[in-house]
C-alpha cells in the first residue's frame, strides 16, 4: 500500500507592511470613539508585527466595496499567488504539473466559477484527467482535511496529489459604519494573506524519504457551532468569534491529540515538532497549557504569527515549512488547527530517512 509522503512545499506572499504602520496609516482612522482605544490595545497585543495583503489598506480602501467587486478582485489577485506557490512546491518535489492525479484547493475568502482549481489547472498544464476538489468555508483548519483527502488519494491511486491553500483576508475589511465588537476588531488585527502549496507522492513501507502523513483526525463540538462564524454580507465576509473559543479548545484538544498519538505508539512527550495554528496568542497559550508543552514547543507558531499574522488555511502549512527548514528537523510533527463547527483537526507526520 502506498504511503503518502510530503515531497515539496511552496509559499507565496503578497507585499507586506508593519503592524504599527497599518495601525497609524489606516486602522487608527477606521475606528472611532471608545472603539478606537480598544482597537489600539488589541492591535498592540496581537502577537503580530508584520502582515501581508494583496489589497493593502494603506494603498487601497476596500471597506465600502460590495461583495461582487471583492470577488472579482479575488480572482485577479489569487491566481498569480497560487501559481507562485504551486511552482515552488512542484520544483521542490521534482515534478511537473502534468504528473498530478489530484488537485485540492482550499479557500474561504473568495468564490467564482470557473474557480481557482479550474483556472490554475488550465494555466499550469495539469493533465485533463487530473481530478479536482475545492474545499470552501472550512476556514482556518481547511488545510488538514485537504491533506487528508490528498493523502487518501495517494494511498488509493498511487499517484501524486497537490494541495493549495490560498486566502485573501484583506478583501474583507468591514466598513467603518459596521458594528465593531471586540471579536471583529481582533479579526482586523490578526488576519493576513498567503498561499501555500504541498505536494504528496506515494512511497511504500520501506522506500521513500521525507515526511509520511500517518493520520488526520478531528473532533467537532456542534453544541458550540455559533462560536465561530464567517457570514457572506453585502460588504464582504464578516467574521464572528466568541470569547469562549479557547474554553472549547481546552475541553477537547488533549483528548484529540493523545488519541491520535496513541494509535501510532507515541506520546505528547515524544513529539518534537508542533505546528499549531495561531488563531491568536490566547489560542497558543491554551494549547501549550493543556498539552503541558515545553516553553519553546510553539516557537514556530509564534514566529509565523509575528511575521505573517493569521492567514487562515495556509497558516499551519507555513509553520510546517518553518519546522522542515530547521537545522535539526523533527522526527514527529503534530499539526493542529481550529475553526467553525467548532472543529479541531490534527495530523501526524513522521520523518522517514
C-alpha atoms as a PDB file:
ATOM      1  CA  UNK A   1       0.000   0.000   0.000  1.00  0.00           C
ATOM      2  CA  UNK A   2       1.297   3.466  -0.891  1.00  0.00           C
ATOM      3  CA  UNK A   3       2.305   5.748   1.959  1.00  0.00           C
ATOM      4  CA  UNK A   4       1.650   9.467   1.292  1.00  0.00           C
ATOM      5  CA  UNK A   5       4.871  11.451   1.623  1.00  0.00           C
ATOM      6  CA  UNK A   6       5.221  15.235   1.658  1.00  0.00           C
ATOM      7  CA  UNK A   7       7.658  15.828  -1.185  1.00  0.00           C
ATOM      8  CA  UNK A   8       7.616  19.613  -1.500  1.00  0.00           C
ATOM      9  CA  UNK A   9       6.155  22.807  -0.085  1.00  0.00           C
ATOM     10  CA  UNK A  10       5.975  26.233  -1.645  1.00  0.00           C
ATOM     11  CA  UNK A  11       4.777  29.514  -0.137  1.00  0.00           C
ATOM     12  CA  UNK A  12       3.880  32.830  -1.738  1.00  0.00           C
ATOM     13  CA  UNK A  13       3.155  36.144  -0.017  1.00  0.00           C
ATOM     14  CA  UNK A  14       1.930  39.465  -1.373  1.00  0.00           C
ATOM     15  CA  UNK A  15       3.726  42.643  -0.247  1.00  0.00           C
ATOM     16  CA  UNK A  16       3.720  43.287   3.483  1.00  0.00           C
ATOM     17  CA  UNK A  17       3.534  46.113   5.978  1.00  0.00           C
ATOM     18  CA  UNK A  18       4.409  46.538   9.639  1.00  0.00           C
ATOM     19  CA  UNK A  19       1.538  46.191  12.088  1.00  0.00           C
ATOM     20  CA  UNK A  20       2.346  49.617  13.553  1.00  0.00           C
ATOM     21  CA  UNK A  21       2.231  51.131  10.080  1.00  0.00           C
ATOM     22  CA  UNK A  22      -1.144  49.521   9.367  1.00  0.00           C
ATOM     23  CA  UNK A  23      -2.466  50.947  12.623  1.00  0.00           C
ATOM     24  CA  UNK A  24      -1.231  54.508  12.224  1.00  0.00           C
ATOM     25  CA  UNK A  25      -1.775  54.682   8.473  1.00  0.00           C
ATOM     26  CA  UNK A  26      -5.258  53.169   8.270  1.00  0.00           C
ATOM     27  CA  UNK A  27      -6.954  51.479  11.219  1.00  0.00           C
ATOM     28  CA  UNK A  28      -6.476  54.389  13.654  1.00  0.00           C
ATOM     29  CA  UNK A  29      -8.814  56.343  11.368  1.00  0.00           C
ATOM     30  CA  UNK A  30     -11.073  53.371  10.623  1.00  0.00           C
ATOM     31  CA  UNK A  31     -12.187  53.043  14.236  1.00  0.00           C
ATOM     32  CA  UNK A  32     -13.633  55.904  16.298  1.00  0.00           C
ATOM     33  CA  UNK A  33     -14.532  56.856  19.870  1.00  0.00           C
ATOM     34  CA  UNK A  34     -14.170  54.250  22.604  1.00  0.00           C
ATOM     35  CA  UNK A  35     -13.804  51.587  19.914  1.00  0.00           C
ATOM     36  CA  UNK A  36     -10.587  53.209  18.741  1.00  0.00           C
ATOM     37  CA  UNK A  37      -8.945  52.990  22.165  1.00  0.00           C
ATOM     38  CA  UNK A  38      -9.947  49.327  22.484  1.00  0.00           C
ATOM     39  CA  UNK A  39      -8.695  48.572  18.970  1.00  0.00           C
ATOM     40  CA  UNK A  40      -5.337  50.192  19.668  1.00  0.00           C
ATOM     41  CA  UNK A  41      -4.810  47.876  22.662  1.00  0.00           C
ATOM     42  CA  UNK A  42      -5.853  44.821  20.650  1.00  0.00           C
ATOM     43  CA  UNK A  43      -3.503  45.670  17.784  1.00  0.00           C
ATOM     44  CA  UNK A  44      -0.614  46.239  20.200  1.00  0.00           C
ATOM     45  CA  UNK A  45      -1.179  42.859  21.928  1.00  0.00           C
ATOM     46  CA  UNK A  46      -1.968  40.769  18.830  1.00  0.00           C
ATOM     47  CA  UNK A  47       1.387  38.993  18.647  1.00  0.00           C
ATOM     48  CA  UNK A  48       1.732  40.314  15.087  1.00  0.00           C
ATOM     49  CA  UNK A  49       4.480  42.679  13.983  1.00  0.00           C
ATOM     50  CA  UNK A  50       4.173  42.247  10.203  1.00  0.00           C
ATOM     51  CA  UNK A  51       1.414  41.179   7.802  1.00  0.00           C
ATOM     52  CA  UNK A  52       0.909  40.752   4.068  1.00  0.00           C
ATOM     53  CA  UNK A  53      -2.002  41.983   1.970  1.00  0.00           C
ATOM     54  CA  UNK A  54      -2.812  41.505  -1.707  1.00  0.00           C
ATOM     55  CA  UNK A  55      -5.004  44.603  -1.336  1.00  0.00           C
ATOM     56  CA  UNK A  56      -3.131  46.811   1.107  1.00  0.00           C
ATOM     57  CA  UNK A  57      -5.429  49.201   3.017  1.00  0.00           C
ATOM     58  CA  UNK A  58      -2.603  51.739   3.142  1.00  0.00           C
ATOM     59  CA  UNK A  59      -2.901  51.990  -0.644  1.00  0.00           C
ATOM     60  CA  UNK A  60      -6.489  50.970  -1.403  1.00  0.00           C
ATOM     61  CA  UNK A  61      -9.502  51.009   0.908  1.00  0.00           C
ATOM     62  CA  UNK A  62     -11.907  48.159   0.112  1.00  0.00           C
ATOM     63  CA  UNK A  63     -14.054  48.546   3.227  1.00  0.00           C
ATOM     64  CA  UNK A  64     -17.024  50.029   1.356  1.00  0.00           C
ATOM     65  CA  UNK A  65     -16.795  47.749  -1.669  1.00  0.00           C
ATOM     66  CA  UNK A  66     -19.770  45.485  -2.416  1.00  0.00           C
ATOM     67  CA  UNK A  67     -19.146  41.765  -2.287  1.00  0.00           C
ATOM     68  CA  UNK A  68     -19.264  41.249  -6.052  1.00  0.00           C
ATOM     69  CA  UNK A  69     -16.377  43.698  -6.551  1.00  0.00           C
ATOM     70  CA  UNK A  70     -14.365  41.935  -3.846  1.00  0.00           C
ATOM     71  CA  UNK A  71     -14.957  38.571  -5.521  1.00  0.00           C
ATOM     72  CA  UNK A  72     -13.785  39.855  -8.899  1.00  0.00           C
ATOM     73  CA  UNK A  73     -10.630  41.186  -7.275  1.00  0.00           C
ATOM     74  CA  UNK A  74     -10.113  37.839  -5.535  1.00  0.00           C
ATOM     75  CA  UNK A  75      -9.656  36.095  -8.880  1.00  0.00           C
ATOM     76  CA  UNK A  76      -7.223  38.762 -10.093  1.00  0.00           C
ATOM     77  CA  UNK A  77      -5.009  38.510  -7.001  1.00  0.00           C
ATOM     78  CA  UNK A  78      -5.314  34.815  -6.069  1.00  0.00           C
ATOM     79  CA  UNK A  79      -4.300  33.363  -9.445  1.00  0.00           C
ATOM     80  CA  UNK A  80      -0.702  34.672  -9.558  1.00  0.00           C
ATOM     81  CA  UNK A  81      -0.230  33.977  -5.853  1.00  0.00           C
ATOM     82  CA  UNK A  82      -1.408  30.388  -6.327  1.00  0.00           C
ATOM     83  CA  UNK A  83       0.819  29.902  -9.381  1.00  0.00           C
ATOM     84  CA  UNK A  84       3.864  31.073  -7.444  1.00  0.00           C
ATOM     85  CA  UNK A  85       3.218  28.731  -4.518  1.00  0.00           C
ATOM     86  CA  UNK A  86       2.475  25.740  -6.764  1.00  0.00           C
ATOM     87  CA  UNK A  87       5.550  26.355  -8.904  1.00  0.00           C
ATOM     88  CA  UNK A  88       7.785  26.322  -5.837  1.00  0.00           C
ATOM     89  CA  UNK A  89       6.185  23.171  -4.437  1.00  0.00           C
ATOM     90  CA  UNK A  90       6.461  21.268  -7.733  1.00  0.00           C
ATOM     91  CA  UNK A  91      10.091  22.329  -8.144  1.00  0.00           C
ATOM     92  CA  UNK A  92      10.884  21.139  -4.620  1.00  0.00           C
ATOM     93  CA  UNK A  93       9.212  17.804  -5.381  1.00  0.00           C
ATOM     94  CA  UNK A  94      10.897  17.406  -8.774  1.00  0.00           C
ATOM     95  CA  UNK A  95       7.548  17.042 -10.542  1.00  0.00           C
ATOM     96  CA  UNK A  96       5.660  18.737 -13.351  1.00  0.00           C
ATOM     97  CA  UNK A  97       2.030  19.848 -13.184  1.00  0.00           C
ATOM     98  CA  UNK A  98       1.155  17.137 -15.695  1.00  0.00           C
ATOM     99  CA  UNK A  99       2.241  14.441 -13.226  1.00  0.00           C
ATOM    100  CA  UNK A 100      -0.548  15.225 -10.760  1.00  0.00           C
ATOM    101  CA  UNK A 101      -3.536  12.949 -10.276  1.00  0.00           C
ATOM    102  CA  UNK A 102      -5.453  15.175  -7.846  1.00  0.00           C
ATOM    103  CA  UNK A 103      -5.529  18.926  -7.243  1.00  0.00           C
ATOM    104  CA  UNK A 104      -7.149  20.124  -3.992  1.00  0.00           C
ATOM    105  CA  UNK A 105      -7.797  23.835  -3.395  1.00  0.00           C
ATOM    106  CA  UNK A 106      -8.808  25.269  -0.011  1.00  0.00           C
ATOM    107  CA  UNK A 107     -10.110  28.822   0.255  1.00  0.00           C
ATOM    108  CA  UNK A 108     -12.842  30.595   2.206  1.00  0.00           C
ATOM    109  CA  UNK A 109     -12.166  34.182   1.134  1.00  0.00           C
ATOM    110  CA  UNK A 110     -13.316  34.119  -2.481  1.00  0.00           C
ATOM    111  CA  UNK A 111     -15.686  32.272  -4.786  1.00  0.00           C
ATOM    112  CA  UNK A 112     -16.230  32.167  -8.529  1.00  0.00           C
ATOM    113  CA  UNK A 113     -16.916  29.640 -11.267  1.00  0.00           C
ATOM    114  CA  UNK A 114     -14.707  28.723 -13.015  1.00  0.00           C
ATOM    115  CA  UNK A 115     -12.695  28.792  -9.793  1.00  0.00           C
ATOM    116  CA  UNK A 116      -9.034  28.682  -8.856  1.00  0.00           C
ATOM    117  CA  UNK A 117      -8.918  24.913  -9.309  1.00  0.00           C
ATOM    118  CA  UNK A 118     -10.003  25.077 -12.962  1.00  0.00           C
ATOM    119  CA  UNK A 119      -8.044  28.197 -13.911  1.00  0.00           C
ATOM    120  CA  UNK A 120      -4.806  27.037 -12.281  1.00  0.00           C
ATOM    121  CA  UNK A 121      -5.137  23.549 -13.758  1.00  0.00           C
ATOM    122  CA  UNK A 122      -5.510  25.161 -17.190  1.00  0.00           C
ATOM    123  CA  UNK A 123      -2.731  27.717 -16.840  1.00  0.00           C
ATOM    124  CA  UNK A 124      -0.194  25.339 -15.273  1.00  0.00           C
ATOM    125  CA  UNK A 125      -0.773  22.479 -17.733  1.00  0.00           C
ATOM    126  CA  UNK A 126      -2.319  19.845 -15.486  1.00  0.00           C
ATOM    127  CA  UNK A 127      -3.486  16.724 -17.314  1.00  0.00           C
ATOM    128  CA  UNK A 128      -7.121  16.548 -18.485  1.00  0.00           C
ATOM    129  CA  UNK A 129      -7.673  13.528 -16.245  1.00  0.00           C
ATOM    130  CA  UNK A 130      -6.354  15.300 -13.137  1.00  0.00           C
ATOM    131  CA  UNK A 131      -9.161  15.243 -10.597  1.00  0.00           C
ATOM    132  CA  UNK A 132     -10.037  18.411  -8.693  1.00  0.00           C
ATOM    133  CA  UNK A 133     -11.553  19.142  -5.299  1.00  0.00           C
ATOM    134  CA  UNK A 134     -12.483  22.538  -3.841  1.00  0.00           C
ATOM    135  CA  UNK A 135     -12.763  22.916  -0.052  1.00  0.00           C
ATOM    136  CA  UNK A 136     -14.597  26.092   0.914  1.00  0.00           C
ATOM    137  CA  UNK A 137     -15.804  27.746   4.108  1.00  0.00           C
ATOM    138  CA  UNK A 138     -13.899  25.423   6.445  1.00  0.00           C
ATOM    139  CA  UNK A 139     -11.724  28.344   7.439  1.00  0.00           C
ATOM    140  CA  UNK A 140      -8.511  28.070   9.399  1.00  0.00           C
ATOM    141  CA  UNK A 141      -8.431  24.273   9.671  1.00  0.00           C
ATOM    142  CA  UNK A 142      -9.116  23.528   5.981  1.00  0.00           C
ATOM    143  CA  UNK A 143      -5.507  22.545   5.213  1.00  0.00           C
ATOM    144  CA  UNK A 144      -5.821  19.405   7.334  1.00  0.00           C
ATOM    145  CA  UNK A 145      -8.901  17.823   5.710  1.00  0.00           C
ATOM    146  CA  UNK A 146      -7.275  18.905   2.448  1.00  0.00           C
ATOM    147  CA  UNK A 147      -4.136  16.981   3.394  1.00  0.00           C
ATOM    148  CA  UNK A 148      -6.304  14.035   4.397  1.00  0.00           C
ATOM    149  CA  UNK A 149      -8.091  13.929   1.045  1.00  0.00           C
ATOM    150  CA  UNK A 150      -4.822  14.261  -0.867  1.00  0.00           C
ATOM    151  CA  UNK A 151      -3.176  11.585   1.265  1.00  0.00           C
ATOM    152  CA  UNK A 152      -6.083   9.177   0.792  1.00  0.00           C
ATOM    153  CA  UNK A 153      -5.891   9.680  -2.966  1.00  0.00           C
ATOM    154  CA  UNK A 154      -2.146   8.982  -2.994  1.00  0.00           C
ATOM    155  CA  UNK A 155      -2.684   5.815  -0.952  1.00  0.00           C
ATOM    156  CA  UNK A 156      -5.568   4.545  -3.067  1.00  0.00           C
ATOM    157  CA  UNK A 157      -4.307   5.505  -6.544  1.00  0.00           C
ATOM    158  CA  UNK A 158      -0.524   5.559  -6.168  1.00  0.00           C
ATOM    159  CA  UNK A 159      -0.333   8.938  -7.942  1.00  0.00           C
ATOM    160  CA  UNK A 160       0.915  12.367  -6.770  1.00  0.00           C
ATOM    161  CA  UNK A 161      -1.519  14.946  -5.385  1.00  0.00           C
ATOM    162  CA  UNK A 162      -1.245  18.679  -4.803  1.00  0.00           C
ATOM    163  CA  UNK A 163      -2.895  20.758  -2.083  1.00  0.00           C
ATOM    164  CA  UNK A 164      -3.150  24.557  -2.406  1.00  0.00           C
ATOM    165  CA  UNK A 165      -4.398  26.793   0.405  1.00  0.00           C
ATOM    166  CA  UNK A 166      -4.935  30.384  -0.734  1.00  0.00           C
ATOM    167  CA  UNK A 167      -6.596  33.126   1.292  1.00  0.00           C
ATOM    168  CA  UNK A 168      -7.062  36.861   0.714  1.00  0.00           C
ATOM    169  CA  UNK A 169      -8.482  38.072   4.008  1.00  0.00           C
ATOM    170  CA  UNK A 170      -7.508  41.655   3.127  1.00  0.00           C
ATOM    171  CA  UNK A 171     -10.543  41.790   0.832  1.00  0.00           C
ATOM    172  CA  UNK A 172     -12.921  41.569   3.790  1.00  0.00           C
ATOM    173  CA  UNK A 173     -12.224  44.657   5.865  1.00  0.00           C
ATOM    174  CA  UNK A 174     -15.629  45.770   7.111  1.00  0.00           C
ATOM    175  CA  UNK A 175     -16.878  49.357   6.641  1.00  0.00           C
ATOM    176  CA  UNK A 176     -16.352  51.808   9.484  1.00  0.00           C
ATOM    177  CA  UNK A 177     -20.137  52.080   9.795  1.00  0.00           C
ATOM    178  CA  UNK A 178     -20.425  48.359  10.622  1.00  0.00           C
ATOM    179  CA  UNK A 179     -20.869  47.097  14.175  1.00  0.00           C
ATOM    180  CA  UNK A 180     -17.332  46.761  15.560  1.00  0.00           C
ATOM    181  CA  UNK A 181     -17.425  44.431  18.553  1.00  0.00           C
ATOM    182  CA  UNK A 182     -14.262  43.142  20.210  1.00  0.00           C
ATOM    183  CA  UNK A 183     -14.062  39.986  18.130  1.00  0.00           C
ATOM    184  CA  UNK A 184     -14.446  41.904  14.866  1.00  0.00           C
ATOM    185  CA  UNK A 185     -11.570  44.165  15.915  1.00  0.00           C
ATOM    186  CA  UNK A 186      -9.472  41.099  16.725  1.00  0.00           C
ATOM    187  CA  UNK A 187     -10.029  39.716  13.235  1.00  0.00           C
ATOM    188  CA  UNK A 188      -8.936  43.035  11.701  1.00  0.00           C
ATOM    189  CA  UNK A 189      -5.801  42.951  13.875  1.00  0.00           C
ATOM    190  CA  UNK A 190      -4.784  39.383  13.073  1.00  0.00           C
ATOM    191  CA  UNK A 191      -5.666  38.340   9.540  1.00  0.00           C
ATOM    192  CA  UNK A 192      -3.292  38.312   6.587  1.00  0.00           C
ATOM    193  CA  UNK A 193      -2.901  36.899   3.055  1.00  0.00           C
ATOM    194  CA  UNK A 194      -0.855  33.949   1.778  1.00  0.00           C
ATOM    195  CA  UNK A 195      -0.817  30.897  -0.473  1.00  0.00           C
ATOM    196  CA  UNK A 196       0.928  27.614   0.355  1.00  0.00           C
ATOM    197  CA  UNK A 197       1.106  24.502  -1.838  1.00  0.00           C
ATOM    198  CA  UNK A 198       2.061  20.992  -0.740  1.00  0.00           C
ATOM    199  CA  UNK A 199       2.900  18.013  -2.962  1.00  0.00           C
ATOM    200  CA  UNK A 200       2.239  14.478  -1.720  1.00  0.00           C
ATOM    201  CA  UNK A 201       3.690  11.466  -3.504  1.00  0.00           C
ATOM    202  CA  UNK A 202       3.406   7.712  -2.986  1.00  0.00           C
ATOM    203  CA  UNK A 203       6.058   5.860  -1.019  1.00  0.00           C
ATOM    204  CA  UNK A 204       5.965   2.340   0.372  1.00  0.00           C
ATOM    205  CA  UNK A 205       6.593   0.815   3.747  1.00  0.00           C
ATOM    206  CA  UNK A 206      10.324   0.650   3.015  1.00  0.00           C
ATOM    207  CA  UNK A 207      11.070   3.247   0.339  1.00  0.00           C
ATOM    208  CA  UNK A 208      10.729   6.985   0.017  1.00  0.00           C
ATOM    209  CA  UNK A 209      12.321   9.728   2.071  1.00  0.00           C
ATOM    210  CA  UNK A 210      10.539  12.703   3.593  1.00  0.00           C
ATOM    211  CA  UNK A 211       7.619  13.050   5.954  1.00  0.00           C
ATOM    212  CA  UNK A 212       4.917  10.398   5.924  1.00  0.00           C
ATOM    213  CA  UNK A 213       1.356  11.517   6.602  1.00  0.00           C
ATOM    214  CA  UNK A 214       0.321   8.951   9.198  1.00  0.00           C
ATOM    215  CA  UNK A 215      -3.197  10.117  10.014  1.00  0.00           C
ATOM    216  CA  UNK A 216      -5.617  13.029  10.003  1.00  0.00           C
ATOM    217  CA  UNK A 217      -8.117  13.161  12.879  1.00  0.00           C
ATOM    218  CA  UNK A 218     -10.810  15.575  14.025  1.00  0.00           C
ATOM    219  CA  UNK A 219     -13.437  16.334  16.630  1.00  0.00           C
ATOM    220  CA  UNK A 220     -16.382  18.715  16.270  1.00  0.00           C
ATOM    221  CA  UNK A 221     -18.409  20.139  19.140  1.00  0.00           C
ATOM    222  CA  UNK A 222     -21.646  21.060  17.363  1.00  0.00           C
ATOM    223  CA  UNK A 223     -23.107  22.484  20.572  1.00  0.00           C
ATOM    224  CA  UNK A 224     -20.773  25.451  20.025  1.00  0.00           C
ATOM    225  CA  UNK A 225     -21.447  25.934  16.300  1.00  0.00           C
ATOM    226  CA  UNK A 226     -22.231  29.613  16.813  1.00  0.00           C
ATOM    227  CA  UNK A 227     -18.857  30.356  18.438  1.00  0.00           C
ATOM    228  CA  UNK A 228     -17.089  30.936  15.126  1.00  0.00           C
ATOM    229  CA  UNK A 229     -18.870  32.216  12.023  1.00  0.00           C
ATOM    230  CA  UNK A 230     -17.981  33.560   8.566  1.00  0.00           C
ATOM    231  CA  UNK A 231     -21.018  35.243   7.068  1.00  0.00           C
ATOM    232  CA  UNK A 232     -21.439  36.446   3.490  1.00  0.00           C
ATOM    233  CA  UNK A 233     -22.741  40.016   3.643  1.00  0.00           C
ATOM    234  CA  UNK A 234     -23.300  42.759   1.092  1.00  0.00           C
ATOM    235  CA  UNK A 235     -19.910  44.207   2.107  1.00  0.00           C
ATOM    236  CA  UNK A 236     -17.726  41.122   2.022  1.00  0.00           C
ATOM    237  CA  UNK A 237     -17.442  38.280   4.512  1.00  0.00           C
ATOM    238  CA  UNK A 238     -17.834  39.105   8.205  1.00  0.00           C
ATOM    239  CA  UNK A 239     -16.064  37.144  10.936  1.00  0.00           C
ATOM    240  CA  UNK A 240     -17.798  36.243  14.172  1.00  0.00           C
ATOM    241  CA  UNK A 241     -15.670  34.993  17.079  1.00  0.00           C
ATOM    242  CA  UNK A 242     -16.859  34.117  20.562  1.00  0.00           C
ATOM    243  CA  UNK A 243     -14.531  34.754  23.509  1.00  0.00           C
ATOM    244  CA  UNK A 244     -15.464  31.205  24.612  1.00  0.00           C
ATOM    245  CA  UNK A 245     -13.450  29.587  21.779  1.00  0.00           C
ATOM    246  CA  UNK A 246     -10.336  28.998  23.944  1.00  0.00           C
ATOM    247  CA  UNK A 247     -12.560  27.352  26.571  1.00  0.00           C
ATOM    248  CA  UNK A 248     -13.958  24.894  23.999  1.00  0.00           C
ATOM    249  CA  UNK A 249     -10.461  24.115  22.711  1.00  0.00           C
ATOM    250  CA  UNK A 250      -9.265  23.417  26.233  1.00  0.00           C
ATOM    251  CA  UNK A 251     -12.015  20.834  26.656  1.00  0.00           C
ATOM    252  CA  UNK A 252     -11.115  18.829  23.537  1.00  0.00           C
ATOM    253  CA  UNK A 253      -7.506  19.332  22.441  1.00  0.00           C
ATOM    254  CA  UNK A 254      -5.784  16.936  24.811  1.00  0.00           C
ATOM    255  CA  UNK A 255      -8.133  14.040  24.068  1.00  0.00           C
ATOM    256  CA  UNK A 256      -7.809  14.549  20.311  1.00  0.00           C
ATOM    257  CA  UNK A 257      -4.006  14.708  20.362  1.00  0.00           C
ATOM    258  CA  UNK A 258      -3.429  11.871  22.838  1.00  0.00           C
ATOM    259  CA  UNK A 259      -5.805   9.592  20.937  1.00  0.00           C
ATOM    260  CA  UNK A 260      -4.067  10.332  17.639  1.00  0.00           C
ATOM    261  CA  UNK A 261      -0.606   9.687  19.076  1.00  0.00           C
ATOM    262  CA  UNK A 262      -1.631   6.525  20.927  1.00  0.00           C
ATOM    263  CA  UNK A 263      -2.808   4.940  17.676  1.00  0.00           C
ATOM    264  CA  UNK A 264       0.762   5.304  16.392  1.00  0.00           C
ATOM    265  CA  UNK A 265       2.592   4.184  19.503  1.00  0.00           C
ATOM    266  CA  UNK A 266       3.863   7.580  20.619  1.00  0.00           C
ATOM    267  CA  UNK A 267       3.093  10.266  23.215  1.00  0.00           C
ATOM    268  CA  UNK A 268       2.998  14.036  23.607  1.00  0.00           C
ATOM    269  CA  UNK A 269       6.404  13.952  25.270  1.00  0.00           C
ATOM    270  CA  UNK A 270       7.946  12.256  22.201  1.00  0.00           C
ATOM    271  CA  UNK A 271       6.634  14.815  19.701  1.00  0.00           C
ATOM    272  CA  UNK A 272       9.464  17.185  18.813  1.00  0.00           C
ATOM    273  CA  UNK A 273       7.645  19.330  16.243  1.00  0.00           C
ATOM    274  CA  UNK A 274       4.423  21.292  16.798  1.00  0.00           C
ATOM    275  CA  UNK A 275       2.630  23.245  14.067  1.00  0.00           C
ATOM    276  CA  UNK A 276      -0.297  24.806  15.916  1.00  0.00           C
ATOM    277  CA  UNK A 277      -2.498  27.288  14.100  1.00  0.00           C
ATOM    278  CA  UNK A 278      -2.075  30.670  15.824  1.00  0.00           C
ATOM    279  CA  UNK A 279      -5.647  31.866  15.982  1.00  0.00           C
ATOM    280  CA  UNK A 280      -4.200  34.419  18.387  1.00  0.00           C
ATOM    281  CA  UNK A 281      -1.906  34.452  21.416  1.00  0.00           C
ATOM    282  CA  UNK A 282      -4.627  33.067  23.721  1.00  0.00           C
ATOM    283  CA  UNK A 283      -5.154  30.034  21.492  1.00  0.00           C
ATOM    284  CA  UNK A 284      -1.463  29.141  21.617  1.00  0.00           C
ATOM    285  CA  UNK A 285      -1.399  29.614  25.375  1.00  0.00           C
ATOM    286  CA  UNK A 286      -4.356  27.250  25.827  1.00  0.00           C
ATOM    287  CA  UNK A 287      -2.779  24.511  23.690  1.00  0.00           C
ATOM    288  CA  UNK A 288       0.539  24.906  25.479  1.00  0.00           C
ATOM    289  CA  UNK A 289      -1.151  24.609  28.868  1.00  0.00           C
ATOM    290  CA  UNK A 290      -3.493  21.715  28.068  1.00  0.00           C
ATOM    291  CA  UNK A 291      -0.754  19.599  26.493  1.00  0.00           C
ATOM    292  CA  UNK A 292       1.833  20.615  29.128  1.00  0.00           C
ATOM    293  CA  UNK A 293       4.287  21.551  26.376  1.00  0.00           C
ATOM    294  CA  UNK A 294       7.792  22.958  26.981  1.00  0.00           C
ATOM    295  CA  UNK A 295       8.127  26.742  26.787  1.00  0.00           C
ATOM    296  CA  UNK A 296       9.715  26.647  23.318  1.00  0.00           C
ATOM    297  CA  UNK A 297       7.455  23.987  21.767  1.00  0.00           C
ATOM    298  CA  UNK A 298       5.274  26.548  19.959  1.00  0.00           C
ATOM    299  CA  UNK A 299       8.122  28.859  18.947  1.00  0.00           C
ATOM    300  CA  UNK A 300       7.492  28.214  15.239  1.00  0.00           C
ATOM    301  CA  UNK A 301       3.785  29.024  15.600  1.00  0.00           C
ATOM    302  CA  UNK A 302       4.530  32.264  17.429  1.00  0.00           C
ATOM    303  CA  UNK A 303       7.187  33.210  14.880  1.00  0.00           C
ATOM    304  CA  UNK A 304       4.742  32.741  11.986  1.00  0.00           C
ATOM    305  CA  UNK A 305       2.077  34.752  13.808  1.00  0.00           C
ATOM    306  CA  UNK A 306       4.615  37.522  14.370  1.00  0.00           C
ATOM    307  CA  UNK A 307       5.897  37.617  10.775  1.00  0.00           C
ATOM    308  CA  UNK A 308       2.738  36.784   8.821  1.00  0.00           C
ATOM    309  CA  UNK A 309      -0.316  37.120  11.059  1.00  0.00           C
ATOM    310  CA  UNK A 310      -3.191  34.654  10.825  1.00  0.00           C
ATOM    311  CA  UNK A 311      -3.504  33.725   7.132  1.00  0.00           C
ATOM    312  CA  UNK A 312      -6.407  31.313   7.749  1.00  0.00           C
ATOM    313  CA  UNK A 313      -5.947  27.950   5.973  1.00  0.00           C
ATOM    314  CA  UNK A 314      -2.321  28.404   4.754  1.00  0.00           C
ATOM    315  CA  UNK A 315      -1.018  29.253   8.234  1.00  0.00           C
ATOM    316  CA  UNK A 316      -0.460  25.765   9.607  1.00  0.00           C
ATOM    317  CA  UNK A 317       1.472  24.891   6.440  1.00  0.00           C
ATOM    318  CA  UNK A 318       3.652  27.991   6.871  1.00  0.00           C
ATOM    319  CA  UNK A 319       4.531  26.693  10.332  1.00  0.00           C
ATOM    320  CA  UNK A 320       5.236  23.239   8.913  1.00  0.00           C
ATOM    321  CA  UNK A 321       7.528  24.764   6.317  1.00  0.00           C
ATOM    322  CA  UNK A 322       9.446  26.556   9.072  1.00  0.00           C
ATOM    323  CA  UNK A 323       9.836  23.287  11.002  1.00  0.00           C
ATOM    324  CA  UNK A 324      11.068  21.409   7.932  1.00  0.00           C
ATOM    325  CA  UNK A 325      13.721  24.056   7.314  1.00  0.00           C
ATOM    326  CA  UNK A 326      15.161  23.754  10.829  1.00  0.00           C
ATOM    327  CA  UNK A 327      18.774  22.694  11.253  1.00  0.00           C
ATOM    328  CA  UNK A 328      17.550  19.544  13.012  1.00  0.00           C
ATOM    329  CA  UNK A 329      14.125  18.661  11.555  1.00  0.00           C
ATOM    330  CA  UNK A 330      11.786  16.875  13.992  1.00  0.00           C
ATOM    331  CA  UNK A 331      11.002  13.177  13.854  1.00  0.00           C
ATOM    332  CA  UNK A 332       7.340  13.560  14.822  1.00  0.00           C
ATOM    333  CA  UNK A 333       5.260  16.594  13.857  1.00  0.00           C
ATOM    334  CA  UNK A 334       1.711  17.276  15.027  1.00  0.00           C
ATOM    335  CA  UNK A 335      -0.314  19.815  13.077  1.00  0.00           C
ATOM    336  CA  UNK A 336      -3.290  21.368  14.878  1.00  0.00           C
ATOM    337  CA  UNK A 337      -5.867  23.811  13.542  1.00  0.00           C
ATOM    338  CA  UNK A 338      -9.280  25.031  14.629  1.00  0.00           C
ATOM    339  CA  UNK A 339     -12.301  26.600  13.008  1.00  0.00           C
ATOM    340  CA  UNK A 340     -16.065  26.719  12.513  1.00  0.00           C
ATOM    341  CA  UNK A 341     -18.050  23.870  13.932  1.00  0.00           C
ATOM    342  CA  UNK A 342     -16.432  24.370  16.440  1.00  0.00           C
ATOM    343  CA  UNK A 343     -13.939  21.940  14.916  1.00  0.00           C
ATOM    344  CA  UNK A 344     -10.457  20.779  15.902  1.00  0.00           C
ATOM    345  CA  UNK A 345      -8.283  18.995  13.340  1.00  0.00           C
ATOM    346  CA  UNK A 346      -4.958  17.230  13.915  1.00  0.00           C
ATOM    347  CA  UNK A 347      -2.486  15.489  11.616  1.00  0.00           C
ATOM    348  CA  UNK A 348       0.550  13.368  12.446  1.00  0.00           C
ATOM    349  CA  UNK A 349       3.703  13.353  10.324  1.00  0.00           C
ATOM    350  CA  UNK A 350       6.712  11.072  10.785  1.00  0.00           C
ATOM    351  CA  UNK A 351      10.142  11.690   9.251  1.00  0.00           C
ATOM    352  CA  UNK A 352      11.491   8.859   7.119  1.00  0.00           C
ATOM    353  CA  UNK A 353      15.178   8.576   6.281  1.00  0.00           C
END
